[in-house]
C-alpha atoms as a PDB file:
ATOM      1  CA  UNK A   1    -121.493-114.023-154.593  1.00  0.00           C
ATOM      2  CA  UNK A   2    -117.892-112.678-154.848  1.00  0.00           C
ATOM      3  CA  UNK A   3    -117.157-109.674-152.674  1.00  0.00           C
ATOM      4  CA  UNK A   4    -114.672-107.099-153.831  1.00  0.00           C
ATOM      5  CA  UNK A   5    -112.378-105.883-151.070  1.00  0.00           C
ATOM      6  CA  UNK A   6    -110.075-102.758-150.886  1.00  0.00           C
ATOM      7  CA  UNK A   7    -107.277-104.392-148.945  1.00  0.00           C
ATOM      8  CA  UNK A   8    -105.129-101.516-148.454  1.00  0.00           C
ATOM      9  CA  UNK A   9    -106.194 -97.712-147.679  1.00  0.00           C
ATOM     10  CA  UNK A  10    -105.798 -95.114-144.814  1.00  0.00           C
ATOM     11  CA  UNK A  11    -107.858 -92.677-142.538  1.00  0.00           C
ATOM     12  CA  UNK A  12    -106.159 -89.770-140.716  1.00  0.00           C
ATOM     13  CA  UNK A  13    -106.561 -86.608-139.230  1.00  0.00           C
ATOM     14  CA  UNK A  14    -104.114 -84.337-140.629  1.00  0.00           C
ATOM     15  CA  UNK A  15    -101.354 -83.391-138.277  1.00  0.00           C
ATOM     16  CA  UNK A  16     -98.579 -81.406-140.011  1.00  0.00           C
ATOM     17  CA  UNK A  17     -95.852 -82.568-137.446  1.00  0.00           C
ATOM     18  CA  UNK A  18     -96.653 -85.757-137.106  1.00  0.00           C
ATOM     19  CA  UNK A  19     -97.568 -86.560-140.969  1.00  0.00           C
ATOM     20  CA  UNK A  20     -94.303 -84.802-142.390  1.00  0.00           C
ATOM     21  CA  UNK A  21     -93.850 -87.448-144.682  1.00  0.00           C
ATOM     22  CA  UNK A  22     -96.865 -85.683-146.539  1.00  0.00           C
ATOM     23  CA  UNK A  23     -94.762 -83.328-148.279  1.00  0.00           C
ATOM     24  CA  UNK A  24     -95.546 -79.793-149.895  1.00  0.00           C
ATOM     25  CA  UNK A  25     -95.731 -81.490-153.556  1.00  0.00           C
ATOM     26  CA  UNK A  26     -98.725 -83.803-151.887  1.00  0.00           C
ATOM     27  CA  UNK A  27    -101.038 -80.888-150.713  1.00  0.00           C
ATOM     28  CA  UNK A  28    -103.816 -82.575-151.940  1.00  0.00           C
ATOM     29  CA  UNK A  29    -103.848 -84.687-149.374  1.00  0.00           C
ATOM     30  CA  UNK A  30    -102.888 -82.397-146.198  1.00  0.00           C
ATOM     31  CA  UNK A  31    -106.140 -82.859-144.779  1.00  0.00           C
ATOM     32  CA  UNK A  32    -108.541 -85.210-142.667  1.00  0.00           C
ATOM     33  CA  UNK A  33    -109.568 -88.243-144.553  1.00  0.00           C
ATOM     34  CA  UNK A  34    -112.242 -90.301-142.927  1.00  0.00           C
ATOM     35  CA  UNK A  35    -114.590 -93.175-143.827  1.00  0.00           C
ATOM     36  CA  UNK A  36    -117.400 -90.751-145.256  1.00  0.00           C
ATOM     37  CA  UNK A  37    -114.795 -89.573-147.554  1.00  0.00           C
ATOM     38  CA  UNK A  38    -113.879 -93.075-148.924  1.00  0.00           C
ATOM     39  CA  UNK A  39    -117.298 -94.585-148.913  1.00  0.00           C
ATOM     40  CA  UNK A  40    -118.543 -92.850-152.434  1.00  0.00           C
ATOM     41  CA  UNK A  41    -115.671 -94.303-154.186  1.00  0.00           C
ATOM     42  CA  UNK A  42    -115.953 -97.811-152.941  1.00  0.00           C
ATOM     43  CA  UNK A  43    -119.670 -97.656-153.735  1.00  0.00           C
ATOM     44  CA  UNK A  44    -119.035 -96.178-157.531  1.00  0.00           C
ATOM     45  CA  UNK A  45    -116.802 -99.208-157.954  1.00  0.00           C
ATOM     46  CA  UNK A  46    -119.035-101.944-156.432  1.00  0.00           C
ATOM     47  CA  UNK A  47    -116.568-102.617-153.864  1.00  0.00           C
ATOM     48  CA  UNK A  48    -117.930-104.196-150.514  1.00  0.00           C
ATOM     49  CA  UNK A  49    -115.343-103.354-148.020  1.00  0.00           C
ATOM     50  CA  UNK A  50    -111.910-102.414-147.197  1.00  0.00           C
ATOM     51  CA  UNK A  51    -109.000-102.847-144.823  1.00  0.00           C
ATOM     52  CA  UNK A  52    -107.696 -99.899-143.062  1.00  0.00           C
ATOM     53  CA  UNK A  53    -103.953-100.222-142.479  1.00  0.00           C
ATOM     54  CA  UNK A  54    -101.944 -98.076-140.094  1.00  0.00           C
ATOM     55  CA  UNK A  55    -100.258 -94.392-141.065  1.00  0.00           C
ATOM     56  CA  UNK A  56     -98.802 -93.928-137.573  1.00  0.00           C
ATOM     57  CA  UNK A  57     -96.394 -96.043-135.617  1.00  0.00           C
ATOM     58  CA  UNK A  58     -98.325 -95.658-132.128  1.00  0.00           C
ATOM     59  CA  UNK A  59    -100.715 -98.048-130.526  1.00  0.00           C
ATOM     60  CA  UNK A  60    -103.333 -94.964-130.459  1.00  0.00           C
ATOM     61  CA  UNK A  61    -103.447 -95.315-134.267  1.00  0.00           C
ATOM     62  CA  UNK A  62    -104.778 -98.761-133.452  1.00  0.00           C
ATOM     63  CA  UNK A  63    -107.464 -97.424-131.174  1.00  0.00           C
ATOM     64  CA  UNK A  64    -108.421 -94.837-133.670  1.00  0.00           C
ATOM     65  CA  UNK A  65    -109.018 -97.321-136.424  1.00  0.00           C
ATOM     66  CA  UNK A  66    -110.685 -99.946-134.343  1.00  0.00           C
ATOM     67  CA  UNK A  67    -113.140 -96.840-133.403  1.00  0.00           C
ATOM     68  CA  UNK A  68    -113.842 -96.086-136.989  1.00  0.00           C
ATOM     69  CA  UNK A  69    -114.282 -99.829-137.843  1.00  0.00           C
ATOM     70  CA  UNK A  70    -116.743-100.099-134.944  1.00  0.00           C
ATOM     71  CA  UNK A  71    -118.659 -97.322-136.473  1.00  0.00           C
ATOM     72  CA  UNK A  72    -118.506 -98.229-140.106  1.00  0.00           C
ATOM     73  CA  UNK A  73    -119.198-101.981-141.311  1.00  0.00           C
ATOM     74  CA  UNK A  74    -117.655-101.669-144.405  1.00  0.00           C
ATOM     75  CA  UNK A  75    -114.319-101.487-142.717  1.00  0.00           C
ATOM     76  CA  UNK A  76    -113.785-104.919-142.660  1.00  0.00           C
ATOM     77  CA  UNK A  77    -110.433-105.227-141.075  1.00  0.00           C
ATOM     78  CA  UNK A  78    -107.216-103.278-139.611  1.00  0.00           C
ATOM     79  CA  UNK A  79    -103.372-103.675-140.301  1.00  0.00           C
ATOM     80  CA  UNK A  80    -102.325-101.755-137.123  1.00  0.00           C
ATOM     81  CA  UNK A  81     -99.170-101.366-135.567  1.00  0.00           C
ATOM     82  CA  UNK A  82     -97.400-102.687-132.285  1.00  0.00           C
ATOM     83  CA  UNK A  83     -93.568-102.558-131.496  1.00  0.00           C
ATOM     84  CA  UNK A  84     -92.358-105.973-132.579  1.00  0.00           C
ATOM     85  CA  UNK A  85     -89.107-105.307-130.622  1.00  0.00           C
ATOM     86  CA  UNK A  86     -90.629-104.398-127.173  1.00  0.00           C
ATOM     87  CA  UNK A  87     -90.131-107.048-124.458  1.00  0.00           C
ATOM     88  CA  UNK A  88     -94.158-107.138-123.688  1.00  0.00           C
ATOM     89  CA  UNK A  89     -95.222-107.599-127.476  1.00  0.00           C
ATOM     90  CA  UNK A  90     -96.629-110.861-126.651  1.00  0.00           C
ATOM     91  CA  UNK A  91     -98.742-109.057-124.245  1.00  0.00           C
ATOM     92  CA  UNK A  92     -99.993-106.628-126.778  1.00  0.00           C
ATOM     93  CA  UNK A  93    -100.654-109.221-129.274  1.00  0.00           C
ATOM     94  CA  UNK A  94    -102.820-110.961-126.618  1.00  0.00           C
ATOM     95  CA  UNK A  95    -104.383-107.840-126.093  1.00  0.00           C
ATOM     96  CA  UNK A  96    -105.456-107.237-129.780  1.00  0.00           C
ATOM     97  CA  UNK A  97    -106.649-110.456-130.231  1.00  0.00           C
ATOM     98  CA  UNK A  98    -109.712-109.561-128.493  1.00  0.00           C
ATOM     99  CA  UNK A  99    -110.789-107.492-131.696  1.00  0.00           C
ATOM    100  CA  UNK A 100    -112.168-109.409-134.398  1.00  0.00           C
ATOM    101  CA  UNK A 101    -111.467-106.867-136.863  1.00  0.00           C
ATOM    102  CA  UNK A 102    -107.711-106.439-136.042  1.00  0.00           C
ATOM    103  CA  UNK A 103    -106.295-108.926-138.612  1.00  0.00           C
ATOM    104  CA  UNK A 104    -102.297-108.023-138.725  1.00  0.00           C
ATOM    105  CA  UNK A 105     -99.563-105.410-138.174  1.00  0.00           C
ATOM    106  CA  UNK A 106     -96.987-103.857-140.068  1.00  0.00           C
ATOM    107  CA  UNK A 107     -93.710-101.644-139.671  1.00  0.00           C
ATOM    108  CA  UNK A 108     -92.769 -98.632-141.865  1.00  0.00           C
ATOM    109  CA  UNK A 109     -89.740-100.341-142.649  1.00  0.00           C
ATOM    110  CA  UNK A 110     -88.953 -98.448-145.794  1.00  0.00           C
ATOM    111  CA  UNK A 111     -87.903 -95.448-143.633  1.00  0.00           C
ATOM    112  CA  UNK A 112     -85.661 -97.381-141.236  1.00  0.00           C
ATOM    113  CA  UNK A 113     -82.139 -96.231-141.621  1.00  0.00           C
ATOM    114  CA  UNK A 114     -81.042 -99.835-140.957  1.00  0.00           C
ATOM    115  CA  UNK A 115     -82.071-101.512-144.058  1.00  0.00           C
ATOM    116  CA  UNK A 116     -82.248-104.923-142.522  1.00  0.00           C
ATOM    117  CA  UNK A 117     -83.961-104.226-139.483  1.00  0.00           C
ATOM    118  CA  UNK A 118     -86.378-106.879-140.009  1.00  0.00           C
ATOM    119  CA  UNK A 119     -83.485-109.611-139.480  1.00  0.00           C
ATOM    120  CA  UNK A 120     -82.621-108.394-136.123  1.00  0.00           C
ATOM    121  CA  UNK A 121     -83.160-110.539-133.295  1.00  0.00           C
ATOM    122  CA  UNK A 122     -85.674-108.235-131.288  1.00  0.00           C
ATOM    123  CA  UNK A 123     -87.720-107.849-134.533  1.00  0.00           C
ATOM    124  CA  UNK A 124     -87.926-111.342-135.466  1.00  0.00           C
ATOM    125  CA  UNK A 125     -88.934-112.192-131.859  1.00  0.00           C
ATOM    126  CA  UNK A 126     -92.170-110.250-132.503  1.00  0.00           C
ATOM    127  CA  UNK A 127     -92.570-111.768-136.150  1.00  0.00           C
ATOM    128  CA  UNK A 128     -92.261-115.221-134.623  1.00  0.00           C
ATOM    129  CA  UNK A 129     -95.082-114.727-132.366  1.00  0.00           C
ATOM    130  CA  UNK A 130     -97.669-113.334-134.892  1.00  0.00           C
ATOM    131  CA  UNK A 131     -98.896-116.639-136.247  1.00  0.00           C
ATOM    132  CA  UNK A 132     -99.485-117.888-132.458  1.00  0.00           C
ATOM    133  CA  UNK A 133    -102.411-115.307-132.640  1.00  0.00           C
ATOM    134  CA  UNK A 134    -103.350-115.612-136.433  1.00  0.00           C
ATOM    135  CA  UNK A 135    -102.034-112.020-137.235  1.00  0.00           C
ATOM    136  CA  UNK A 136    -100.669-111.373-140.921  1.00  0.00           C
ATOM    137  CA  UNK A 137     -97.830-109.204-141.256  1.00  0.00           C
ATOM    138  CA  UNK A 138     -97.705-106.619-143.909  1.00  0.00           C
ATOM    139  CA  UNK A 139     -94.216-105.673-145.625  1.00  0.00           C
ATOM    140  CA  UNK A 140     -93.639-102.259-146.427  1.00  0.00           C
ATOM    141  CA  UNK A 141     -90.078-101.809-148.248  1.00  0.00           C
ATOM    142  CA  UNK A 142     -88.346-100.264-150.992  1.00  0.00           C
ATOM    143  CA  UNK A 143     -86.691-102.700-153.736  1.00  0.00           C
ATOM    144  CA  UNK A 144     -83.346-102.334-151.806  1.00  0.00           C
ATOM    145  CA  UNK A 145     -85.042-104.386-148.852  1.00  0.00           C
ATOM    146  CA  UNK A 146     -86.501-107.298-150.863  1.00  0.00           C
ATOM    147  CA  UNK A 147     -83.431-109.720-150.152  1.00  0.00           C
ATOM    148  CA  UNK A 148     -84.179-109.072-146.686  1.00  0.00           C
ATOM    149  CA  UNK A 149     -87.870-109.847-147.006  1.00  0.00           C
ATOM    150  CA  UNK A 150     -86.837-113.267-148.627  1.00  0.00           C
ATOM    151  CA  UNK A 151     -84.868-114.355-145.858  1.00  0.00           C
ATOM    152  CA  UNK A 152     -87.620-113.291-143.402  1.00  0.00           C
ATOM    153  CA  UNK A 153     -90.158-115.272-145.194  1.00  0.00           C
ATOM    154  CA  UNK A 154     -87.689-118.253-145.351  1.00  0.00           C
ATOM    155  CA  UNK A 155     -87.170-118.206-141.751  1.00  0.00           C
ATOM    156  CA  UNK A 156     -90.854-118.013-140.675  1.00  0.00           C
ATOM    157  CA  UNK A 157     -92.755-120.386-143.259  1.00  0.00           C
ATOM    158  CA  UNK A 158     -95.870-120.555-141.279  1.00  0.00           C
ATOM    159  CA  UNK A 159     -96.290-116.673-140.776  1.00  0.00           C
ATOM    160  CA  UNK A 160     -98.452-115.045-143.413  1.00  0.00           C
ATOM    161  CA  UNK A 161     -97.051-112.292-145.063  1.00  0.00           C
ATOM    162  CA  UNK A 162     -98.347-109.638-147.260  1.00  0.00           C
ATOM    163  CA  UNK A 163     -95.832-107.316-149.368  1.00  0.00           C
ATOM    164  CA  UNK A 164     -97.397-103.732-149.853  1.00  0.00           C
ATOM    165  CA  UNK A 165     -97.253-101.777-153.151  1.00  0.00           C
ATOM    166  CA  UNK A 166     -95.234-104.435-154.743  1.00  0.00           C
ATOM    167  CA  UNK A 167     -91.979-102.875-153.064  1.00  0.00           C
ATOM    168  CA  UNK A 168     -92.459 -99.727-154.720  1.00  0.00           C
ATOM    169  CA  UNK A 169     -90.262-100.168-157.690  1.00  0.00           C
ATOM    170  CA  UNK A 170     -89.191 -96.903-159.515  1.00  0.00           C
ATOM    171  CA  UNK A 171     -91.531 -96.789-162.265  1.00  0.00           C
ATOM    172  CA  UNK A 172     -91.050 -92.745-163.009  1.00  0.00           C
ATOM    173  CA  UNK A 173     -87.485 -94.040-164.086  1.00  0.00           C
ATOM    174  CA  UNK A 174     -88.534 -97.400-165.397  1.00  0.00           C
ATOM    175  CA  UNK A 175     -86.393 -99.232-163.468  1.00  0.00           C
ATOM    176  CA  UNK A 176     -86.914-102.998-163.522  1.00  0.00           C
ATOM    177  CA  UNK A 177     -84.005-105.646-163.797  1.00  0.00           C
ATOM    178  CA  UNK A 178     -82.979-105.847-159.859  1.00  0.00           C
ATOM    179  CA  UNK A 179     -86.446-105.377-158.481  1.00  0.00           C
ATOM    180  CA  UNK A 180     -87.866-108.117-160.901  1.00  0.00           C
ATOM    181  CA  UNK A 181     -85.504-110.680-159.809  1.00  0.00           C
ATOM    182  CA  UNK A 182     -85.902-110.126-156.183  1.00  0.00           C
ATOM    183  CA  UNK A 183     -89.578-110.070-156.704  1.00  0.00           C
ATOM    184  CA  UNK A 184     -89.356-113.538-158.224  1.00  0.00           C
ATOM    185  CA  UNK A 185     -87.011-114.580-155.439  1.00  0.00           C
ATOM    186  CA  UNK A 186     -89.372-113.645-152.826  1.00  0.00           C
ATOM    187  CA  UNK A 187     -92.528-115.074-154.660  1.00  0.00           C
ATOM    188  CA  UNK A 188     -91.154-118.487-154.389  1.00  0.00           C
ATOM    189  CA  UNK A 189     -91.957-118.455-150.654  1.00  0.00           C
ATOM    190  CA  UNK A 190     -95.669-119.418-150.731  1.00  0.00           C
ATOM    191  CA  UNK A 191     -96.283-117.684-147.347  1.00  0.00           C
ATOM    192  CA  UNK A 192     -95.953-114.216-149.285  1.00  0.00           C
ATOM    193  CA  UNK A 193     -98.630-112.657-150.868  1.00  0.00           C
ATOM    194  CA  UNK A 194     -98.628-109.014-152.917  1.00  0.00           C
ATOM    195  CA  UNK A 195    -100.990-106.203-152.813  1.00  0.00           C
ATOM    196  CA  UNK A 196    -101.130-104.407-156.428  1.00  0.00           C
ATOM    197  CA  UNK A 197    -101.299-101.130-154.668  1.00  0.00           C
ATOM    198  CA  UNK A 198     -99.551 -97.491-154.461  1.00  0.00           C
ATOM    199  CA  UNK A 199     -98.148 -97.959-158.023  1.00  0.00           C
ATOM    200  CA  UNK A 200     -99.360 -94.552-159.478  1.00  0.00           C
ATOM    201  CA  UNK A 201     -97.204 -92.755-156.569  1.00  0.00           C
ATOM    202  CA  UNK A 202     -93.972 -94.510-157.977  1.00  0.00           C
ATOM    203  CA  UNK A 203     -94.825 -93.267-161.610  1.00  0.00           C
ATOM    204  CA  UNK A 204     -94.503 -89.677-163.128  1.00  0.00           C
ATOM    205  CA  UNK A 205     -97.507 -88.468-161.083  1.00  0.00           C
ATOM    206  CA  UNK A 206     -98.823 -85.913-163.937  1.00  0.00           C
ATOM    207  CA  UNK A 207     -97.655 -87.966-166.905  1.00  0.00           C
ATOM    208  CA  UNK A 208     -97.932 -91.899-166.414  1.00  0.00           C
ATOM    209  CA  UNK A 209     -99.618 -93.639-169.157  1.00  0.00           C
ATOM    210  CA  UNK A 210    -101.243 -96.992-168.438  1.00  0.00           C
ATOM    211  CA  UNK A 211     -98.894 -98.920-170.460  1.00  0.00           C
ATOM    212  CA  UNK A 212     -96.150 -97.721-167.904  1.00  0.00           C
ATOM    213  CA  UNK A 213     -97.400-100.233-165.372  1.00  0.00           C
ATOM    214  CA  UNK A 214     -97.750-103.446-167.679  1.00  0.00           C
ATOM    215  CA  UNK A 215     -94.014-104.678-167.171  1.00  0.00           C
ATOM    216  CA  UNK A 216     -94.278-104.466-163.463  1.00  0.00           C
ATOM    217  CA  UNK A 217     -97.821-106.147-163.209  1.00  0.00           C
ATOM    218  CA  UNK A 218     -96.644-108.689-165.587  1.00  0.00           C
ATOM    219  CA  UNK A 219     -93.709-109.701-163.270  1.00  0.00           C
ATOM    220  CA  UNK A 220     -95.656-109.646-160.206  1.00  0.00           C
ATOM    221  CA  UNK A 221     -98.631-111.590-161.435  1.00  0.00           C
ATOM    222  CA  UNK A 222     -96.483-114.242-163.130  1.00  0.00           C
ATOM    223  CA  UNK A 223     -94.379-114.588-159.825  1.00  0.00           C
ATOM    224  CA  UNK A 224     -97.216-114.636-157.457  1.00  0.00           C
ATOM    225  CA  UNK A 225     -99.938-116.416-159.492  1.00  0.00           C
ATOM    226  CA  UNK A 226    -103.410-115.414-159.177  1.00  0.00           C
ATOM    227  CA  UNK A 227    -104.138-116.873-155.610  1.00  0.00           C
ATOM    228  CA  UNK A 228    -101.671-114.507-153.830  1.00  0.00           C
ATOM    229  CA  UNK A 229    -102.453-111.000-155.583  1.00  0.00           C
ATOM    230  CA  UNK A 230    -104.978-108.736-154.255  1.00  0.00           C
ATOM    231  CA  UNK A 231    -106.151-105.266-154.965  1.00  0.00           C
ATOM    232  CA  UNK A 232    -105.401-102.180-152.846  1.00  0.00           C
ATOM    233  CA  UNK A 233    -106.028 -98.474-153.825  1.00  0.00           C
ATOM    234  CA  UNK A 234    -103.668 -96.890-151.287  1.00  0.00           C
ATOM    235  CA  UNK A 235    -106.218 -94.212-151.113  1.00  0.00           C
ATOM    236  CA  UNK A 236    -106.042 -91.361-150.274  1.00  0.00           C
ATOM    237  CA  UNK A 237    -102.237 -91.319-151.167  1.00  0.00           C
ATOM    238  CA  UNK A 238    -103.342 -92.042-154.846  1.00  0.00           C
ATOM    239  CA  UNK A 239    -104.877 -88.767-154.759  1.00  0.00           C
ATOM    240  CA  UNK A 240    -101.826 -87.396-155.526  1.00  0.00           C
ATOM    241  CA  UNK A 241    -101.289 -89.346-158.552  1.00  0.00           C
ATOM    242  CA  UNK A 242    -104.766 -89.269-160.355  1.00  0.00           C
ATOM    243  CA  UNK A 243    -107.090 -90.651-157.674  1.00  0.00           C
ATOM    244  CA  UNK A 244    -109.115 -93.899-156.885  1.00  0.00           C
ATOM    245  CA  UNK A 245    -110.879 -94.462-160.192  1.00  0.00           C
ATOM    246  CA  UNK A 246    -107.772 -94.219-162.133  1.00  0.00           C
ATOM    247  CA  UNK A 247    -105.594 -96.132-160.213  1.00  0.00           C
ATOM    248  CA  UNK A 248    -108.410 -98.876-160.144  1.00  0.00           C
ATOM    249  CA  UNK A 249    -108.585 -98.725-164.049  1.00  0.00           C
ATOM    250  CA  UNK A 250    -105.328 -99.536-164.627  1.00  0.00           C
ATOM    251  CA  UNK A 251    -105.509-102.917-162.546  1.00  0.00           C
ATOM    252  CA  UNK A 252    -109.074-103.411-164.149  1.00  0.00           C
ATOM    253  CA  UNK A 253    -108.056-103.035-167.520  1.00  0.00           C
ATOM    254  CA  UNK A 254    -104.905-105.616-166.849  1.00  0.00           C
ATOM    255  CA  UNK A 255    -106.671-108.514-165.217  1.00  0.00           C
ATOM    256  CA  UNK A 256    -109.221-108.312-167.700  1.00  0.00           C
ATOM    257  CA  UNK A 257    -107.635-111.002-169.242  1.00  0.00           C
ATOM    258  CA  UNK A 258    -107.647-113.610-166.788  1.00  0.00           C
ATOM    259  CA  UNK A 259    -110.753-115.977-166.058  1.00  0.00           C
ATOM    260  CA  UNK A 260    -113.543-114.920-163.973  1.00  0.00           C
ATOM    261  CA  UNK A 261    -112.619-117.043-161.140  1.00  0.00           C
ATOM    262  CA  UNK A 262    -109.028-115.279-160.966  1.00  0.00           C
ATOM    263  CA  UNK A 263    -110.495-112.048-161.360  1.00  0.00           C
ATOM    264  CA  UNK A 264    -112.861-112.911-158.358  1.00  0.00           C
ATOM    265  CA  UNK A 265    -109.530-114.202-156.421  1.00  0.00           C
ATOM    266  CA  UNK A 266    -107.982-110.882-157.193  1.00  0.00           C
ATOM    267  CA  UNK A 267    -110.607-108.425-156.446  1.00  0.00           C
ATOM    268  CA  UNK A 268    -111.593-109.890-153.140  1.00  0.00           C
ATOM    269  CA  UNK A 269    -111.607-113.693-152.353  1.00  0.00           C
ATOM    270  CA  UNK A 270    -107.607-113.618-151.900  1.00  0.00           C
ATOM    271  CA  UNK A 271    -108.037-110.519-149.185  1.00  0.00           C
ATOM    272  CA  UNK A 272    -110.844-112.612-147.585  1.00  0.00           C
ATOM    273  CA  UNK A 273    -108.862-115.519-147.118  1.00  0.00           C
ATOM    274  CA  UNK A 274    -105.574-114.064-146.485  1.00  0.00           C
ATOM    275  CA  UNK A 275    -107.150-111.913-143.527  1.00  0.00           C
ATOM    276  CA  UNK A 276    -109.667-114.083-142.560  1.00  0.00           C
ATOM    277  CA  UNK A 277    -112.213-111.541-143.055  1.00  0.00           C
ATOM    278  CA  UNK A 278    -115.907-112.597-141.856  1.00  0.00           C
ATOM    279  CA  UNK A 279    -117.429-113.116-145.446  1.00  0.00           C
ATOM    280  CA  UNK A 280    -120.744-111.555-144.924  1.00  0.00           C
END
């Protein structure tokens, strides 16, 4: 039986100071979001499990997510956070290797003033250790950083990378050309995968149409191919632009043209393989 996996969502206890990225126009998500809030959407859509991704850059976030995962079997994996630039980063990776549900890490590179932070020696030192402990790395960036991501992928061919949110192109303004060129360049590296997630928040929140996303999906699916794309809802952030079911409907309609096997890869099999999930 093919399992469906939501490969990208978040949980949090809302903190207005810490979570200042949740602006006033995102009022609908200025509240707590916990496993019990997500489960109805998973059940309704026939999704068997999810991967919880860090929303806070602190190791306390890892403890929070690991506890939730221990209490809720449908949380199949966690993408957490460690300071990749820290001198003791390898000790931290050894520590997290004991937790079977800790699958990888990410850093909020999109918000860093130094746009090529991922190419600094200290950061690369941490990246270079991840594969030793079978950890993935999620790349959270804006389109202007795609070129740096390609350099990173080239330098670490044995590291499994996952691009989050198709690198957040400006769908609202229908900007495509540079993004598409850089996506195609990044996708040439077979160690890079792409989450089809987070798109609705880059579109016009109140007025997007399903066809707005088609050109971007065409680029991603053609560039990465069916074996390296995976579904993620970006819940609860997607609530600000329509919600779980509407976001899922966009990609469900798009992938309906693919074979049954290719659809199964997209909806879950790729996530199970990439994140080494326990397939039960």
